[in-house]
C-alpha atoms as a PDB file:
ATOM      1  CA  UNK A   1    -199.267 -65.582 -60.666  1.00  0.00           C
ATOM      2  CA  UNK A   2    -201.572 -65.170 -63.577  1.00  0.00           C
ATOM      3  CA  UNK A   3    -204.051 -63.449 -61.450  1.00  0.00           C
ATOM      4  CA  UNK A   4    -201.520 -60.812 -60.505  1.00  0.00           C
ATOM      5  CA  UNK A   5    -200.380 -60.186 -64.008  1.00  0.00           C
ATOM      6  CA  UNK A   6    -203.890 -59.601 -64.945  1.00  0.00           C
ATOM      7  CA  UNK A   7    -204.614 -57.057 -62.035  1.00  0.00           C
ATOM      8  CA  UNK A   8    -201.399 -55.392 -63.419  1.00  0.00           C
ATOM      9  CA  UNK A   9    -202.311 -55.003 -66.734  1.00  0.00           C
ATOM     10  CA  UNK A  10    -205.650 -53.550 -65.531  1.00  0.00           C
ATOM     11  CA  UNK A  11    -204.134 -50.969 -63.314  1.00  0.00           C
ATOM     12  CA  UNK A  12    -201.815 -49.891 -66.208  1.00  0.00           C
ATOM     13  CA  UNK A  13    -204.864 -49.427 -68.677  1.00  0.00           C
ATOM     14  CA  UNK A  14    -206.776 -47.796 -65.885  1.00  0.00           C
ATOM     15  CA  UNK A  15    -203.257 -45.218 -65.343  1.00  0.00           C
ATOM     16  CA  UNK A  16    -203.473 -44.733 -69.450  1.00  0.00           C
ATOM     17  CA  UNK A  17    -206.935 -43.626 -69.155  1.00  0.00           C
ATOM     18  CA  UNK A  18    -207.034 -41.484 -66.502  1.00  0.00           C
ATOM     19  CA  UNK A  19    -203.493 -39.597 -67.765  1.00  0.00           C
ATOM     20  CA  UNK A  20    -205.739 -37.823 -70.253  1.00  0.00           C
ATOM     21  CA  UNK A  21    -208.911 -35.798 -70.276  1.00  0.00           C
ATOM     22  CA  UNK A  22    -209.346 -36.454 -73.949  1.00  0.00           C
ATOM     23  CA  UNK A  23    -209.464 -40.351 -73.364  1.00  0.00           C
ATOM     24  CA  UNK A  24    -211.899 -39.887 -70.625  1.00  0.00           C
ATOM     25  CA  UNK A  25    -214.141 -37.589 -72.341  1.00  0.00           C
ATOM     26  CA  UNK A  26    -214.055 -39.945 -76.097  1.00  0.00           C
ATOM     27  CA  UNK A  27    -214.883 -43.053 -73.601  1.00  0.00           C
ATOM     28  CA  UNK A  28    -217.836 -41.353 -71.746  1.00  0.00           C
ATOM     29  CA  UNK A  29    -219.099 -40.170 -75.269  1.00  0.00           C
ATOM     30  CA  UNK A  30    -218.941 -43.758 -76.535  1.00  0.00           C
ATOM     31  CA  UNK A  31    -220.345 -44.993 -73.560  1.00  0.00           C
ATOM     32  CA  UNK A  32    -223.886 -43.511 -74.648  1.00  0.00           C
ATOM     33  CA  UNK A  33    -223.542 -45.380 -78.406  1.00  0.00           C
ATOM     34  CA  UNK A  34    -222.016 -45.936 -81.424  1.00  0.00           C
ATOM     35  CA  UNK A  35    -220.549 -42.479 -83.059  1.00  0.00           C
ATOM     36  CA  UNK A  36    -218.697 -41.432 -86.010  1.00  0.00           C
ATOM     37  CA  UNK A  37    -215.476 -39.244 -85.376  1.00  0.00           C
ATOM     38  CA  UNK A  38    -217.249 -35.829 -86.045  1.00  0.00           C
ATOM     39  CA  UNK A  39    -220.131 -36.694 -83.300  1.00  0.00           C
ATOM     40  CA  UNK A  40    -217.196 -37.379 -80.688  1.00  0.00           C
ATOM     41  CA  UNK A  41    -215.438 -33.994 -81.856  1.00  0.00           C
ATOM     42  CA  UNK A  42    -218.882 -32.081 -81.581  1.00  0.00           C
ATOM     43  CA  UNK A  43    -219.743 -33.762 -78.001  1.00  0.00           C
ATOM     44  CA  UNK A  44    -216.316 -33.373 -76.573  1.00  0.00           C
ATOM     45  CA  UNK A  45    -215.171 -30.197 -78.245  1.00  0.00           C
ATOM     46  CA  UNK A  46    -212.232 -31.715 -79.445  1.00  0.00           C
ATOM     47  CA  UNK A  47    -210.067 -30.615 -82.519  1.00  0.00           C
ATOM     48  CA  UNK A  48    -210.120 -33.145 -85.313  1.00  0.00           C
ATOM     49  CA  UNK A  49    -206.573 -33.989 -84.682  1.00  0.00           C
ATOM     50  CA  UNK A  50    -206.831 -34.522 -81.095  1.00  0.00           C
ATOM     51  CA  UNK A  51    -210.013 -36.920 -81.977  1.00  0.00           C
ATOM     52  CA  UNK A  52    -208.071 -38.926 -84.264  1.00  0.00           C
ATOM     53  CA  UNK A  53    -205.036 -39.651 -81.984  1.00  0.00           C
ATOM     54  CA  UNK A  54    -207.291 -40.338 -78.886  1.00  0.00           C
ATOM     55  CA  UNK A  55    -209.239 -42.888 -80.996  1.00  0.00           C
ATOM     56  CA  UNK A  56    -205.938 -44.415 -82.402  1.00  0.00           C
ATOM     57  CA  UNK A  57    -204.668 -44.787 -78.613  1.00  0.00           C
ATOM     58  CA  UNK A  58    -207.751 -46.308 -77.333  1.00  0.00           C
ATOM     59  CA  UNK A  59    -208.061 -48.638 -80.143  1.00  0.00           C
ATOM     60  CA  UNK A  60    -204.304 -50.049 -79.711  1.00  0.00           C
ATOM     61  CA  UNK A  61    -205.317 -50.591 -76.180  1.00  0.00           C
ATOM     62  CA  UNK A  62    -208.493 -52.347 -77.241  1.00  0.00           C
ATOM     63  CA  UNK A  63    -210.890 -50.085 -75.423  1.00  0.00           C
ATOM     64  CA  UNK A  64    -212.865 -49.332 -78.140  1.00  0.00           C
ATOM     65  CA  UNK A  65    -213.425 -50.889 -81.704  1.00  0.00           C
ATOM     66  CA  UNK A  66    -214.352 -49.412 -85.151  1.00  0.00           C
ATOM     67  CA  UNK A  67    -217.202 -51.414 -86.499  1.00  0.00           C
ATOM     68  CA  UNK A  68    -216.662 -50.783 -90.068  1.00  0.00           C
ATOM     69  CA  UNK A  69    -213.231 -50.176 -90.884  1.00  0.00           C
ATOM     70  CA  UNK A  70    -213.303 -50.270 -94.475  1.00  0.00           C
ATOM     71  CA  UNK A  71    -215.795 -47.361 -94.885  1.00  0.00           C
ATOM     72  CA  UNK A  72    -213.442 -44.041 -95.850  1.00  0.00           C
ATOM     73  CA  UNK A  73    -215.844 -41.332 -94.507  1.00  0.00           C
ATOM     74  CA  UNK A  74    -217.816 -42.636 -91.940  1.00  0.00           C
ATOM     75  CA  UNK A  75    -216.356 -44.940 -89.419  1.00  0.00           C
ATOM     76  CA  UNK A  76    -218.750 -45.636 -86.382  1.00  0.00           C
ATOM     77  CA  UNK A  77    -216.634 -46.295 -83.234  1.00  0.00           C
ATOM     78  CA  UNK A  78    -218.309 -48.182 -80.002  1.00  0.00           C
ATOM     79  CA  UNK A  79    -216.674 -48.987 -76.612  1.00  0.00           C
ATOM     80  CA  UNK A  80    -215.560 -52.573 -75.842  1.00  0.00           C
ATOM     81  CA  UNK A  81    -216.464 -54.441 -72.834  1.00  0.00           C
ATOM     82  CA  UNK A  82    -213.044 -53.872 -71.382  1.00  0.00           C
ATOM     83  CA  UNK A  83    -213.338 -49.972 -72.096  1.00  0.00           C
ATOM     84  CA  UNK A  84    -216.727 -49.838 -70.381  1.00  0.00           C
ATOM     85  CA  UNK A  85    -215.195 -51.461 -67.246  1.00  0.00           C
ATOM     86  CA  UNK A  86    -212.263 -49.510 -67.206  1.00  0.00           C
ATOM     87  CA  UNK A  87    -214.206 -46.384 -67.610  1.00  0.00           C
ATOM     88  CA  UNK A  88    -216.391 -46.925 -64.899  1.00  0.00           C
ATOM     89  CA  UNK A  89    -213.348 -47.620 -62.490  1.00  0.00           C
ATOM     90  CA  UNK A  90    -211.553 -44.647 -63.576  1.00  0.00           C
ATOM     91  CA  UNK A  91    -214.978 -42.533 -63.110  1.00  0.00           C
ATOM     92  CA  UNK A  92    -214.980 -44.125 -59.765  1.00  0.00           C
ATOM     93  CA  UNK A  93    -211.633 -43.095 -58.474  1.00  0.00           C
ATOM     94  CA  UNK A  94    -212.290 -39.535 -60.011  1.00  0.00           C
ATOM     95  CA  UNK A  95    -215.320 -39.289 -57.978  1.00  0.00           C
ATOM     96  CA  UNK A  96    -213.780 -40.329 -54.511  1.00  0.00           C
ATOM     97  CA  UNK A  97    -210.861 -38.195 -55.092  1.00  0.00           C
ATOM     98  CA  UNK A  98    -213.369 -35.091 -55.656  1.00  0.00           C
ATOM     99  CA  UNK A  99    -215.247 -35.695 -52.531  1.00  0.00           C
ATOM    100  CA  UNK A 100    -212.171 -35.586 -50.512  1.00  0.00           C
END
């Protein structure tokens, strides 16, 4: 029973990520290393407001983490272990669909 719940929650997180290109783009950017939001904005070509909202959404799902939350100007974000795993699965699904 517990195993089934873990699979369901993982599927829910995966679906959450795949519903938004912004989420995928931010996770892909952070998979290369820690970044501040301005770097993420530039690399993903997203508006500041979209980047901010996406970072909050991903933090709420524990897919990314701010490693210095008390800093006002330069908050560094990293992708979590769960975020890496979910991103890998999402990218794999996108590749399979693209190949068909």
